Amino acid sequence: MHIVHTLPALADALRPYRHPAVVPTMGNLHEGHLALVRQAKSLGDLTVATIFVNRLQFGPQDDFDTYPRTLAADCAQLEAAGCDLVFAPTEQEFYPEPQAFRIAPPVALTDLLEGQFRPGFFAAVCTVVLKLLCSTQARSAVFGKKDYQQLMVIRQMARQFNLPVNIVGGDTQRAPDGLALSSRNGYLSSDERAQAAELYASLQTVAQAVRAGHTDFGPLETHAMDSLRQRGWQPDYVALRRQSDLQMPQPGDALVVLAAARLGTTRLIDNLEL
C-alpha cells in the first residue's frame, strides 16, 4: 500500500490508473470504514482512501482540536482491508490559502434535520468532498448510509455538476447490540456505551408501528423523542421522511426514519429505511 501526503505525489501515484474508487474519511477508522473500502475494491482499478480532518465542517462547539488523529493505526487497518493508496494531506497542503470558494447546496435539502442543528455543515462537506473527488480523479466514491442526508446531498451535487463519479452508498455496519459503528462511539463512557443501542431500538419501534399500519407520524415521532428523554438522552429529532428527498412523506412513499440525539456529551445519529 502506498501512502502520499502531497497533491503532486498523489497525481504521480494515480497516473497509471483510469478508474480510481475512493473512500473519503477523516481517519480514526473502524469496521464501518473498512467495509466501505472492501466495497470499493470491486468498483475500480485502484482503491484509494483519503484521511483528512476537515476543519470547515466543525462548528464552534465541535471537537476539531481533540478529534483523534490515528494515522499509523488507520493505515495498518487499510492495508489489511486491501486498500491500494492512502492520501493523507496536511491542512496546509489541502488548504494552502483560505477556502473562499464554497459549495452552496440547496436549502430544501440542507436546512432540515442535520442542517437545522449544524448550520453550514453541508456546505463544508460538499466543498471538501468536491476537492477530494477532483484531487483523486475518482470514478467511484463510497459513502456510508449512516450519514443518510450527507449521502443524498453528495449524490445531488455530483449529478448537478456532471461529475464523472458514481456515488455509491455503503450499508451501515452495526455492533451486535445494534449500535451503528461511528468514530464518535469512542467518546462514550462504559455506561453510556451500554445504553447507546437505545437509539437504534427507538428507530425500530417507530418502523414497527408504521409497518403495523400507523399513518399519523407526528405522535410516533413525539413518543420516540419523549421515550429517549426519559432515559437520559437529549434528542434533536426523530423524523419519518420519504427516502427520495427527505421531505414530508405522502401515501405510498418509501420511508426512512432518522434520529439524532446526545447521550452525555456525545451526539449520535442513525437511520432505518422502511
C-alpha atoms as a PDB file:
ATOM      1  CA  MET A   1       0.000   0.000   0.000  1.00  0.00           C
ATOM      2  CA  HIS A   2       1.284   3.432  -0.975  1.00  0.00           C
ATOM      3  CA  ILE A   3       0.860   6.475   1.307  1.00  0.00           C
ATOM      4  CA  VAL A   4       1.131  10.009  -0.066  1.00  0.00           C
ATOM      5  CA  HIS A   5       0.783  13.381   1.624  1.00  0.00           C
ATOM      6  CA  THR A   6       1.043  15.895  -1.205  1.00  0.00           C
ATOM      7  CA  LEU A   7      -1.006  16.634  -4.302  1.00  0.00           C
ATOM      8  CA  PRO A   8       1.934  16.140  -6.713  1.00  0.00           C
ATOM      9  CA  ALA A   9       2.712  12.758  -5.154  1.00  0.00           C
ATOM     10  CA  LEU A  10      -0.961  11.831  -5.415  1.00  0.00           C
ATOM     11  CA  ALA A  11      -1.035  12.764  -9.105  1.00  0.00           C
ATOM     12  CA  ASP A  12       2.053  10.630  -9.737  1.00  0.00           C
ATOM     13  CA  ALA A  13       0.526   7.643  -7.926  1.00  0.00           C
ATOM     14  CA  LEU A  14      -2.743   7.948  -9.878  1.00  0.00           C
ATOM     15  CA  ARG A  15      -1.166   8.293 -13.318  1.00  0.00           C
ATOM     16  CA  PRO A  16      -1.228   4.593 -14.341  1.00  0.00           C
ATOM     17  CA  TYR A  17      -4.900   4.156 -13.433  1.00  0.00           C
ATOM     18  CA  ARG A  18      -8.151   5.110 -15.146  1.00  0.00           C
ATOM     19  CA  HIS A  19     -10.893   4.237 -12.637  1.00  0.00           C
ATOM     20  CA  PRO A  20      -9.935   5.038  -9.034  1.00  0.00           C
ATOM     21  CA  ALA A  21     -12.540   4.075  -6.436  1.00  0.00           C
ATOM     22  CA  VAL A  22     -12.306   6.384  -3.440  1.00  0.00           C
ATOM     23  CA  VAL A  23     -13.438   6.248   0.184  1.00  0.00           C
ATOM     24  CA  PRO A  24     -13.177   9.695   1.831  1.00  0.00           C
ATOM     25  CA  THR A  25     -12.652   9.580   5.609  1.00  0.00           C
ATOM     26  CA  MET A  26     -11.491  11.737   8.490  1.00  0.00           C
ATOM     27  CA  GLY A  27      -9.468   8.877   9.934  1.00  0.00           C
ATOM     28  CA  ASN A  28      -9.922   7.279  13.351  1.00  0.00           C
ATOM     29  CA  LEU A  29     -11.142   4.302  11.359  1.00  0.00           C
ATOM     30  CA  HIS A  30     -13.406   1.448  12.422  1.00  0.00           C
ATOM     31  CA  GLU A  31     -15.013  -1.555  10.761  1.00  0.00           C
ATOM     32  CA  GLY A  32     -17.625   0.651   9.113  1.00  0.00           C
ATOM     33  CA  HIS A  33     -14.919   2.460   7.137  1.00  0.00           C
ATOM     34  CA  LEU A  34     -13.164  -0.787   6.267  1.00  0.00           C
ATOM     35  CA  ALA A  35     -16.399  -2.250   4.906  1.00  0.00           C
ATOM     36  CA  LEU A  36     -16.596   0.740   2.543  1.00  0.00           C
ATOM     37  CA  VAL A  37     -13.017   0.096   1.414  1.00  0.00           C
ATOM     38  CA  ARG A  38     -13.780  -3.543   0.710  1.00  0.00           C
ATOM     39  CA  GLN A  39     -16.867  -2.467  -1.231  1.00  0.00           C
ATOM     40  CA  ALA A  40     -14.788  -0.007  -3.254  1.00  0.00           C
ATOM     41  CA  LYS A  41     -12.386  -2.718  -4.376  1.00  0.00           C
ATOM     42  CA  SER A  42     -14.917  -4.069  -6.877  1.00  0.00           C
ATOM     43  CA  LEU A  43     -15.664  -0.629  -8.329  1.00  0.00           C
ATOM     44  CA  GLY A  44     -12.368   0.417  -9.920  1.00  0.00           C
ATOM     45  CA  ASP A  45      -8.790  -0.403 -10.820  1.00  0.00           C
ATOM     46  CA  LEU A  46      -7.320   1.352  -7.755  1.00  0.00           C
ATOM     47  CA  THR A  47      -8.753   1.565  -4.241  1.00  0.00           C
ATOM     48  CA  VAL A  48      -7.997   4.900  -2.584  1.00  0.00           C
ATOM     49  CA  ALA A  49      -8.757   6.047   0.947  1.00  0.00           C
ATOM     50  CA  THR A  50      -8.397   9.672   1.926  1.00  0.00           C
ATOM     51  CA  ILE A  51      -7.705  10.738   5.502  1.00  0.00           C
ATOM     52  CA  PHE A  52      -8.273  14.414   6.162  1.00  0.00           C
ATOM     53  CA  VAL A  53      -9.810  16.067   9.226  1.00  0.00           C
ATOM     54  CA  ASN A  54     -11.767  18.883   7.609  1.00  0.00           C
ATOM     55  CA  ARG A  55     -11.763  21.974   9.785  1.00  0.00           C
ATOM     56  CA  LEU A  56     -14.519  23.590   7.719  1.00  0.00           C
ATOM     57  CA  GLN A  57     -17.208  21.191   8.912  1.00  0.00           C
ATOM     58  CA  PHE A  58     -16.553  21.614  12.634  1.00  0.00           C
ATOM     59  CA  GLY A  59     -18.745  24.126  14.429  1.00  0.00           C
ATOM     60  CA  PRO A  60     -17.612  26.383  17.306  1.00  0.00           C
ATOM     61  CA  GLN A  61     -18.667  23.809  19.888  1.00  0.00           C
ATOM     62  CA  ASP A  62     -17.314  20.809  17.980  1.00  0.00           C
ATOM     63  CA  ASP A  63     -14.175  18.839  18.674  1.00  0.00           C
ATOM     64  CA  PHE A  64     -11.752  19.687  15.839  1.00  0.00           C
ATOM     65  CA  ASP A  65      -8.659  20.061  18.024  1.00  0.00           C
ATOM     66  CA  THR A  66      -9.372  16.919  20.025  1.00  0.00           C
ATOM     67  CA  TYR A  67     -10.612  14.779  17.117  1.00  0.00           C
ATOM     68  CA  PRO A  68      -8.432  11.635  17.192  1.00  0.00           C
ATOM     69  CA  ARG A  69      -5.596  11.548  14.663  1.00  0.00           C
ATOM     70  CA  THR A  70      -4.560   7.901  14.367  1.00  0.00           C
ATOM     71  CA  LEU A  71      -2.784   7.768  11.002  1.00  0.00           C
ATOM     72  CA  ALA A  72      -0.450   4.848  11.684  1.00  0.00           C
ATOM     73  CA  ALA A  73      -3.218   2.625  13.035  1.00  0.00           C
ATOM     74  CA  ASP A  74      -5.557   3.726  10.243  1.00  0.00           C
ATOM     75  CA  CYS A  75      -3.020   2.828   7.558  1.00  0.00           C
ATOM     76  CA  ALA A  76      -2.415  -0.587   9.092  1.00  0.00           C
ATOM     77  CA  GLN A  77      -6.144  -1.301   9.008  1.00  0.00           C
ATOM     78  CA  LEU A  78      -6.487  -0.020   5.458  1.00  0.00           C
ATOM     79  CA  GLU A  79      -3.643  -2.184   4.224  1.00  0.00           C
ATOM     80  CA  ALA A  80      -5.228  -5.245   5.818  1.00  0.00           C
ATOM     81  CA  ALA A  81      -8.532  -4.370   4.114  1.00  0.00           C
ATOM     82  CA  GLY A  82      -6.850  -4.302   0.691  1.00  0.00           C
ATOM     83  CA  CYS A  83      -6.548  -0.559   0.160  1.00  0.00           C
ATOM     84  CA  ASP A  84      -4.001   0.369  -2.524  1.00  0.00           C
ATOM     85  CA  LEU A  85      -3.364   4.049  -1.869  1.00  0.00           C
ATOM     86  CA  VAL A  86      -3.855   6.450   1.052  1.00  0.00           C
ATOM     87  CA  PHE A  87      -3.946  10.202   0.519  1.00  0.00           C
ATOM     88  CA  ALA A  88      -3.394  11.936   3.867  1.00  0.00           C
ATOM     89  CA  PRO A  89      -2.633  15.621   3.254  1.00  0.00           C
ATOM     90  CA  THR A  90      -1.838  18.200   5.867  1.00  0.00           C
ATOM     91  CA  GLU A  91      -4.196  21.122   6.265  1.00  0.00           C
ATOM     92  CA  GLN A  92      -1.615  23.419   4.671  1.00  0.00           C
ATOM     93  CA  GLU A  93      -1.309  21.074   1.683  1.00  0.00           C
ATOM     94  CA  PHE A  94      -5.030  20.804   1.060  1.00  0.00           C
ATOM     95  CA  TYR A  95      -5.976  24.382   2.008  1.00  0.00           C
ATOM     96  CA  PRO A  96      -2.857  26.358   1.011  1.00  0.00           C
ATOM     97  CA  GLU A  97      -4.941  29.531   1.053  1.00  0.00           C
ATOM     98  CA  PRO A  98      -8.254  30.359   2.744  1.00  0.00           C
ATOM     99  CA  GLN A  99     -11.055  28.379   1.096  1.00  0.00           C
ATOM    100  CA  ALA A 100     -13.046  31.380  -0.102  1.00  0.00           C
ATOM    101  CA  PHE A 101     -14.946  29.389  -2.734  1.00  0.00           C
ATOM    102  CA  ARG A 102     -17.611  27.181  -1.131  1.00  0.00           C
ATOM    103  CA  ILE A 103     -20.336  24.909  -2.465  1.00  0.00           C
ATOM    104  CA  ALA A 104     -23.817  26.187  -1.549  1.00  0.00           C
ATOM    105  CA  PRO A 105     -26.186  23.185  -1.513  1.00  0.00           C
ATOM    106  CA  PRO A 106     -29.936  23.809  -1.841  1.00  0.00           C
ATOM    107  CA  VAL A 107     -31.673  24.844   1.345  1.00  0.00           C
ATOM    108  CA  ALA A 108     -34.588  22.494   0.652  1.00  0.00           C
ATOM    109  CA  LEU A 109     -32.257  19.598   1.359  1.00  0.00           C
ATOM    110  CA  THR A 110     -29.833  21.092   3.863  1.00  0.00           C
ATOM    111  CA  ASP A 111     -31.887  23.316   6.176  1.00  0.00           C
ATOM    112  CA  LEU A 112     -33.705  20.364   7.727  1.00  0.00           C
ATOM    113  CA  LEU A 113     -32.669  17.547  10.065  1.00  0.00           C
ATOM    114  CA  GLU A 114     -28.856  17.679  10.366  1.00  0.00           C
ATOM    115  CA  GLY A 115     -28.652  21.042   8.622  1.00  0.00           C
ATOM    116  CA  GLN A 116     -31.062  22.571  11.129  1.00  0.00           C
ATOM    117  CA  PHE A 117     -28.808  21.623  14.034  1.00  0.00           C
ATOM    118  CA  ARG A 118     -25.450  22.071  12.271  1.00  0.00           C
ATOM    119  CA  PRO A 119     -25.659  25.279  10.216  1.00  0.00           C
ATOM    120  CA  GLY A 120     -23.148  25.367   7.364  1.00  0.00           C
ATOM    121  CA  PHE A 121     -22.222  21.711   7.803  1.00  0.00           C
ATOM    122  CA  PHE A 122     -23.287  20.512   4.369  1.00  0.00           C
ATOM    123  CA  ALA A 123     -21.648  23.433   2.579  1.00  0.00           C
ATOM    124  CA  ALA A 124     -18.396  22.445   4.270  1.00  0.00           C
ATOM    125  CA  VAL A 125     -18.865  18.756   3.467  1.00  0.00           C
ATOM    126  CA  CYS A 126     -19.655  19.434  -0.188  1.00  0.00           C
ATOM    127  CA  THR A 127     -16.649  21.733  -0.513  1.00  0.00           C
ATOM    128  CA  VAL A 128     -14.145  19.225   0.842  1.00  0.00           C
ATOM    129  CA  VAL A 129     -15.725  16.259  -0.946  1.00  0.00           C
ATOM    130  CA  LEU A 130     -15.606  18.080  -4.283  1.00  0.00           C
ATOM    131  CA  LYS A 131     -11.918  18.854  -3.726  1.00  0.00           C
ATOM    132  CA  LEU A 132     -11.183  15.256  -2.747  1.00  0.00           C
ATOM    133  CA  LEU A 133     -13.057  13.780  -5.715  1.00  0.00           C
ATOM    134  CA  CYS A 134     -11.239  16.070  -8.121  1.00  0.00           C
ATOM    135  CA  SER A 135      -7.847  15.523  -6.493  1.00  0.00           C
ATOM    136  CA  THR A 136      -8.148  11.740  -6.524  1.00  0.00           C
ATOM    137  CA  GLN A 137      -9.665  11.633 -10.035  1.00  0.00           C
ATOM    138  CA  ALA A 138     -12.374   9.423  -8.572  1.00  0.00           C
ATOM    139  CA  ARG A 139     -14.646   7.491 -10.895  1.00  0.00           C
ATOM    140  CA  SER A 140     -16.476   5.851  -7.998  1.00  0.00           C
ATOM    141  CA  ALA A 141     -16.773   7.029  -4.405  1.00  0.00           C
ATOM    142  CA  VAL A 142     -18.300   5.144  -1.495  1.00  0.00           C
ATOM    143  CA  PHE A 143     -20.040   6.860   1.428  1.00  0.00           C
ATOM    144  CA  GLY A 144     -21.798   5.243   4.379  1.00  0.00           C
ATOM    145  CA  LYS A 145     -25.572   5.249   4.590  1.00  0.00           C
ATOM    146  CA  LYS A 146     -25.359   6.017   8.303  1.00  0.00           C
ATOM    147  CA  ASP A 147     -24.890   9.636   7.223  1.00  0.00           C
ATOM    148  CA  TYR A 148     -28.082   9.397   5.183  1.00  0.00           C
ATOM    149  CA  GLN A 149     -28.633  13.071   4.477  1.00  0.00           C
ATOM    150  CA  GLN A 150     -24.962  13.601   3.678  1.00  0.00           C
ATOM    151  CA  LEU A 151     -25.046  10.806   1.096  1.00  0.00           C
ATOM    152  CA  MET A 152     -28.120  12.351  -0.527  1.00  0.00           C
ATOM    153  CA  VAL A 153     -26.520  15.810  -0.668  1.00  0.00           C
ATOM    154  CA  ILE A 154     -23.316  14.447  -2.216  1.00  0.00           C
ATOM    155  CA  ARG A 155     -25.257  12.442  -4.806  1.00  0.00           C
ATOM    156  CA  GLN A 156     -27.186  15.531  -5.861  1.00  0.00           C
ATOM    157  CA  MET A 157     -24.026  17.635  -6.001  1.00  0.00           C
ATOM    158  CA  ALA A 158     -22.290  15.075  -8.237  1.00  0.00           C
ATOM    159  CA  ARG A 159     -25.314  14.875 -10.520  1.00  0.00           C
ATOM    160  CA  GLN A 160     -25.846  18.608 -10.870  1.00  0.00           C
ATOM    161  CA  PHE A 161     -22.155  19.310 -11.532  1.00  0.00           C
ATOM    162  CA  ASN A 162     -21.955  16.420 -14.024  1.00  0.00           C
ATOM    163  CA  LEU A 163     -19.061  14.950 -12.083  1.00  0.00           C
ATOM    164  CA  PRO A 164     -17.770  11.758 -13.726  1.00  0.00           C
ATOM    165  CA  VAL A 165     -18.188   9.912 -10.437  1.00  0.00           C
ATOM    166  CA  ASN A 166     -20.542   7.123  -9.398  1.00  0.00           C
ATOM    167  CA  ILE A 167     -21.621   7.877  -5.817  1.00  0.00           C
ATOM    168  CA  VAL A 168     -22.246   4.570  -4.026  1.00  0.00           C
ATOM    169  CA  GLY A 169     -23.886   4.053  -0.631  1.00  0.00           C
ATOM    170  CA  GLY A 170     -22.493   1.515   1.812  1.00  0.00           C
ATOM    171  CA  ASP A 171     -24.746  -0.192   4.343  1.00  0.00           C
ATOM    172  CA  THR A 172     -24.446   0.856   7.974  1.00  0.00           C
ATOM    173  CA  GLN A 173     -22.262  -1.503   9.979  1.00  0.00           C
ATOM    174  CA  ARG A 174     -23.509  -2.269  13.480  1.00  0.00           C
ATOM    175  CA  ALA A 175     -22.254  -3.710  16.733  1.00  0.00           C
ATOM    176  CA  PRO A 176     -24.010  -6.892  17.936  1.00  0.00           C
ATOM    177  CA  ASP A 177     -26.414  -4.809  20.054  1.00  0.00           C
ATOM    178  CA  GLY A 178     -27.410  -2.705  17.035  1.00  0.00           C
ATOM    179  CA  LEU A 179     -25.376   0.453  17.676  1.00  0.00           C
ATOM    180  CA  ALA A 180     -24.231   1.970  14.383  1.00  0.00           C
ATOM    181  CA  LEU A 181     -20.436   1.986  14.200  1.00  0.00           C
ATOM    182  CA  SER A 182     -19.079   5.523  14.407  1.00  0.00           C
ATOM    183  CA  SER A 183     -15.844   7.226  15.350  1.00  0.00           C
ATOM    184  CA  ARG A 184     -17.840   9.179  17.915  1.00  0.00           C
ATOM    185  CA  ASN A 185     -18.675   5.992  19.810  1.00  0.00           C
ATOM    186  CA  GLY A 186     -15.203   6.257  21.266  1.00  0.00           C
ATOM    187  CA  TYR A 187     -16.318   9.260  23.297  1.00  0.00           C
ATOM    188  CA  LEU A 188     -18.942   7.223  25.167  1.00  0.00           C
ATOM    189  CA  SER A 189     -18.265   6.146  28.733  1.00  0.00           C
ATOM    190  CA  SER A 190     -18.725   2.459  29.518  1.00  0.00           C
ATOM    191  CA  ASP A 191     -22.169   3.146  30.996  1.00  0.00           C
ATOM    192  CA  GLU A 192     -23.158   5.274  28.009  1.00  0.00           C
ATOM    193  CA  ARG A 193     -21.927   2.618  25.619  1.00  0.00           C
ATOM    194  CA  ALA A 194     -24.161   0.060  27.300  1.00  0.00           C
ATOM    195  CA  GLN A 195     -27.100   2.405  26.760  1.00  0.00           C
ATOM    196  CA  ALA A 196     -26.238   3.641  23.281  1.00  0.00           C
ATOM    197  CA  ALA A 197     -28.116   0.953  21.347  1.00  0.00           C
ATOM    198  CA  GLU A 198     -31.367   2.530  22.574  1.00  0.00           C
ATOM    199  CA  LEU A 199     -31.188   4.984  19.685  1.00  0.00           C
ATOM    200  CA  TYR A 200     -31.439   2.232  17.083  1.00  0.00           C
ATOM    201  CA  ALA A 201     -34.085   0.473  19.181  1.00  0.00           C
ATOM    202  CA  SER A 202     -36.197   3.629  19.054  1.00  0.00           C
ATOM    203  CA  LEU A 203     -35.972   3.640  15.257  1.00  0.00           C
ATOM    204  CA  GLN A 204     -37.040   0.010  15.176  1.00  0.00           C
ATOM    205  CA  THR A 205     -40.044   0.795  17.373  1.00  0.00           C
ATOM    206  CA  VAL A 206     -41.160   3.578  15.027  1.00  0.00           C
ATOM    207  CA  ALA A 207     -40.643   1.358  11.990  1.00  0.00           C
ATOM    208  CA  GLN A 208     -42.673  -1.462  13.537  1.00  0.00           C
ATOM    209  CA  ALA A 209     -45.547   0.909  14.222  1.00  0.00           C
ATOM    210  CA  VAL A 210     -45.555   2.156  10.626  1.00  0.00           C
ATOM    211  CA  ARG A 211     -45.454  -1.391   9.278  1.00  0.00           C
ATOM    212  CA  ALA A 212     -48.382  -2.224  11.558  1.00  0.00           C
ATOM    213  CA  GLY A 213     -50.451   0.436   9.815  1.00  0.00           C
ATOM    214  CA  HIS A 214     -49.954   3.632  11.828  1.00  0.00           C
ATOM    215  CA  THR A 215     -50.146   6.601   9.479  1.00  0.00           C
ATOM    216  CA  ASP A 216     -50.203   9.508  11.944  1.00  0.00           C
ATOM    217  CA  PHE A 217     -46.454  10.025  12.042  1.00  0.00           C
ATOM    218  CA  GLY A 218     -46.290  13.046  14.339  1.00  0.00           C
ATOM    219  CA  PRO A 219     -47.290  11.202  17.512  1.00  0.00           C
ATOM    220  CA  LEU A 220     -44.875   8.372  16.675  1.00  0.00           C
ATOM    221  CA  GLU A 221     -42.011  10.849  16.405  1.00  0.00           C
ATOM    222  CA  THR A 222     -43.027  12.662  19.589  1.00  0.00           C
ATOM    223  CA  HIS A 223     -43.351   9.435  21.565  1.00  0.00           C
ATOM    224  CA  ALA A 224     -39.909   8.262  20.397  1.00  0.00           C
ATOM    225  CA  MET A 225     -38.289  11.534  21.464  1.00  0.00           C
ATOM    226  CA  ASP A 226     -40.092  11.549  24.814  1.00  0.00           C
ATOM    227  CA  SER A 227     -39.002   7.967  25.437  1.00  0.00           C
ATOM    228  CA  LEU A 228     -35.376   8.876  24.749  1.00  0.00           C
ATOM    229  CA  ARG A 229     -35.594  11.889  27.080  1.00  0.00           C
ATOM    230  CA  GLN A 230     -36.988   9.726  29.864  1.00  0.00           C
ATOM    231  CA  ARG A 231     -33.870   7.555  29.578  1.00  0.00           C
ATOM    232  CA  GLY A 232     -31.449  10.469  29.782  1.00  0.00           C
ATOM    233  CA  TRP A 233     -30.976  11.322  26.113  1.00  0.00           C
ATOM    234  CA  GLN A 234     -31.204  14.805  24.580  1.00  0.00           C
ATOM    235  CA  PRO A 235     -32.821  14.185  21.178  1.00  0.00           C
ATOM    236  CA  ASP A 236     -32.556  16.710  18.366  1.00  0.00           C
ATOM    237  CA  TYR A 237     -35.036  14.888  16.165  1.00  0.00           C
ATOM    238  CA  VAL A 238     -36.731  11.622  15.344  1.00  0.00           C
ATOM    239  CA  ALA A 239     -38.299  12.078  11.915  1.00  0.00           C
ATOM    240  CA  LEU A 240     -40.123   9.978   9.358  1.00  0.00           C
ATOM    241  CA  ARG A 241     -39.358  11.241   5.863  1.00  0.00           C
ATOM    242  CA  ARG A 242     -39.542   9.981   2.324  1.00  0.00           C
ATOM    243  CA  GLN A 243     -36.365   8.373   1.090  1.00  0.00           C
ATOM    244  CA  SER A 244     -36.191  10.250  -2.206  1.00  0.00           C
ATOM    245  CA  ASP A 245     -35.641  13.769  -0.844  1.00  0.00           C
ATOM    246  CA  LEU A 246     -36.200  13.734   2.958  1.00  0.00           C
ATOM    247  CA  GLN A 247     -39.338  15.845   2.619  1.00  0.00           C
ATOM    248  CA  MET A 248     -42.586  15.115   4.446  1.00  0.00           C
ATOM    249  CA  PRO A 249     -43.971  11.833   3.098  1.00  0.00           C
ATOM    250  CA  GLN A 250     -47.094  11.261   1.076  1.00  0.00           C
ATOM    251  CA  PRO A 251     -49.095   7.999   0.974  1.00  0.00           C
ATOM    252  CA  GLY A 252     -47.173   5.337  -0.909  1.00  0.00           C
ATOM    253  CA  ASP A 253     -43.753   6.932  -0.478  1.00  0.00           C
ATOM    254  CA  ALA A 254     -40.783   4.788   0.533  1.00  0.00           C
ATOM    255  CA  LEU A 255     -39.866   5.937   4.040  1.00  0.00           C
ATOM    256  CA  VAL A 256     -36.844   6.369   6.239  1.00  0.00           C
ATOM    257  CA  VAL A 257     -36.825   7.195   9.935  1.00  0.00           C
ATOM    258  CA  LEU A 258     -33.868   9.274  11.078  1.00  0.00           C
ATOM    259  CA  ALA A 259     -32.693  10.329  14.518  1.00  0.00           C
ATOM    260  CA  ALA A 260     -30.033  12.385  16.216  1.00  0.00           C
ATOM    261  CA  ALA A 261     -29.576  12.607  19.976  1.00  0.00           C
ATOM    262  CA  ARG A 262     -26.948  13.311  22.584  1.00  0.00           C
ATOM    263  CA  LEU A 263     -26.040  10.803  25.238  1.00  0.00           C
ATOM    264  CA  GLY A 264     -23.936  12.673  27.743  1.00  0.00           C
ATOM    265  CA  THR A 265     -21.713  14.879  25.596  1.00  0.00           C
ATOM    266  CA  THR A 266     -21.701  12.579  22.573  1.00  0.00           C
ATOM    267  CA  ARG A 267     -24.043  13.222  19.663  1.00  0.00           C
ATOM    268  CA  LEU A 268     -25.093  10.104  17.752  1.00  0.00           C
ATOM    269  CA  ILE A 269     -27.077   9.788  14.531  1.00  0.00           C
ATOM    270  CA  ASP A 270     -28.765   6.803  12.931  1.00  0.00           C
ATOM    271  CA  ASN A 271     -31.470   5.893  10.431  1.00  0.00           C
ATOM    272  CA  LEU A 272     -33.560   2.965   9.255  1.00  0.00           C
ATOM    273  CA  GLU A 273     -35.165   2.537   5.852  1.00  0.00           C
ATOM    274  CA  LEU A 274     -38.657   1.086   5.858  1.00  0.00           C
END
